[in-house]
């Protein structure tokens, strides 16, 4: 669950949508 929270925080810090699209 901690990993999930960290992911959300990172998303808010910078747009990781680009990386998601790459995956």
PDB file of N, CA and C in Angstrom:
ATOM      1  N   UNK A   1       0.859  -1.206   0.000  1.00  0.00           N
ATOM      2  CA  UNK A   1       0.000   0.000   0.000  1.00  0.00           C
ATOM      3  C   UNK A   1       0.887   1.246   0.000  1.00  0.00           C
ATOM      4  N   UNK A   2       2.004   1.157   0.681  1.00  0.00           N
ATOM      5  CA  UNK A   2       2.907   2.319   0.723  1.00  0.00           C
ATOM      6  C   UNK A   2       3.365   2.679  -0.686  1.00  0.00           C
ATOM      7  N   UNK A   3       3.643   1.660  -1.462  1.00  0.00           N
ATOM      8  CA  UNK A   3       4.113   1.900  -2.851  1.00  0.00           C
ATOM      9  C   UNK A   3       3.047   2.683  -3.610  1.00  0.00           C
ATOM     10  N   UNK A   4       1.813   2.304  -3.422  1.00  0.00           N
ATOM     11  CA  UNK A   4       0.718   2.972  -4.135  1.00  0.00           C
ATOM     12  C   UNK A   4       0.660   4.454  -3.753  1.00  0.00           C
ATOM     13  N   UNK A   5       0.759   4.722  -2.473  1.00  0.00           N
ATOM     14  CA  UNK A   5       0.713   6.118  -2.003  1.00  0.00           C
ATOM     15  C   UNK A   5       1.885   6.900  -2.602  1.00  0.00           C
ATOM     16  N   UNK A   6       3.045   6.282  -2.612  1.00  0.00           N
ATOM     17  CA  UNK A   6       4.241   6.968  -3.152  1.00  0.00           C
ATOM     18  C   UNK A   6       4.011   7.303  -4.628  1.00  0.00           C
ATOM     19  N   UNK A   7       3.409   6.372  -5.329  1.00  0.00           N
ATOM     20  CA  UNK A   7       3.149   6.610  -6.767  1.00  0.00           C
ATOM     21  C   UNK A   7       2.245   7.825  -6.946  1.00  0.00           C
ATOM     22  N   UNK A   8       1.214   7.890  -6.158  1.00  0.00           N
ATOM     23  CA  UNK A   8       0.274   9.024  -6.275  1.00  0.00           C
ATOM     24  C   UNK A   8       1.007  10.338  -5.977  1.00  0.00           C
ATOM     25  N   UNK A   9       1.838  10.326  -4.944  1.00  0.00           N
ATOM     26  CA  UNK A   9       2.574  11.555  -4.578  1.00  0.00           C
ATOM     27  C   UNK A   9       3.484  11.961  -5.735  1.00  0.00           C
ATOM     28  N   UNK A  10       4.155  10.983  -6.314  1.00  0.00           N
ATOM     29  CA  UNK A  10       5.064  11.308  -7.425  1.00  0.00           C
ATOM     30  C   UNK A  10       4.265  11.886  -8.585  1.00  0.00           C
ATOM     31  N   UNK A  11       3.099  11.310  -8.854  1.00  0.00           N
ATOM     32  CA  UNK A  11       2.271  11.813  -9.951  1.00  0.00           C
ATOM     33  C   UNK A  11       1.959  13.277  -9.723  1.00  0.00           C
ATOM     34  N   UNK A  12       1.663  13.617  -8.507  1.00  0.00           N
ATOM     35  CA  UNK A  12       1.286  15.018  -8.191  1.00  0.00           C
ATOM     36  C   UNK A  12       2.537  15.890  -8.324  1.00  0.00           C
ATOM     37  N   UNK A  13       3.678  15.377  -7.940  1.00  0.00           N
ATOM     38  CA  UNK A  13       4.912  16.186  -8.004  1.00  0.00           C
ATOM     39  C   UNK A  13       5.252  16.506  -9.455  1.00  0.00           C
ATOM     40  N   UNK A  14       5.205  15.515 -10.306  1.00  0.00           N
ATOM     41  CA  UNK A  14       5.485  15.770 -11.740  1.00  0.00           C
ATOM     42  C   UNK A  14       4.628  14.845 -12.599  1.00  0.00           C
ATOM     43  N   UNK A  15       4.237  15.294 -13.751  1.00  0.00           N
ATOM     44  CA  UNK A  15       3.368  14.490 -14.631  1.00  0.00           C
ATOM     45  C   UNK A  15       4.068  13.243 -15.135  1.00  0.00           C
ATOM     46  N   UNK A  16       3.705  12.110 -14.586  1.00  0.00           N
ATOM     47  CA  UNK A  16       4.331  10.846 -15.040  1.00  0.00           C
ATOM     48  C   UNK A  16       3.424  10.180 -16.079  1.00  0.00           C
ATOM     49  N   UNK A  17       2.462  10.952 -16.576  1.00  0.00           N
ATOM     50  CA  UNK A  17       1.542  10.382 -17.574  1.00  0.00           C
ATOM     51  C   UNK A  17       2.345   9.953 -18.802  1.00  0.00           C
ATOM     52  N   UNK A  18       3.352  10.699 -19.120  1.00  0.00           N
ATOM     53  CA  UNK A  18       4.184  10.355 -20.286  1.00  0.00           C
ATOM     54  C   UNK A  18       4.818   8.986 -20.076  1.00  0.00           C
ATOM     55  N   UNK A  19       5.345   8.768 -18.913  1.00  0.00           N
ATOM     56  CA  UNK A  19       5.999   7.464 -18.634  1.00  0.00           C
ATOM     57  C   UNK A  19       4.956   6.350 -18.684  1.00  0.00           C
ATOM     58  N   UNK A  20       3.780   6.627 -18.195  1.00  0.00           N
ATOM     59  CA  UNK A  20       2.724   5.607 -18.191  1.00  0.00           C
ATOM     60  C   UNK A  20       2.385   5.233 -19.633  1.00  0.00           C
ATOM     61  N   UNK A  21       2.307   6.232 -20.473  1.00  0.00           N
ATOM     62  CA  UNK A  21       1.977   5.954 -21.879  1.00  0.00           C
ATOM     63  C   UNK A  21       3.079   5.098 -22.503  1.00  0.00           C
ATOM     64  N   UNK A  22       4.289   5.358 -22.116  1.00  0.00           N
ATOM     65  CA  UNK A  22       5.418   4.589 -22.673  1.00  0.00           C
ATOM     66  C   UNK A  22       5.248   3.110 -22.305  1.00  0.00           C
ATOM     67  N   UNK A  23       4.857   2.874 -21.066  1.00  0.00           N
ATOM     68  CA  UNK A  23       4.692   1.481 -20.623  1.00  0.00           C
ATOM     69  C   UNK A  23       3.536   0.881 -21.414  1.00  0.00           C
TER      70      UNK A  23
END
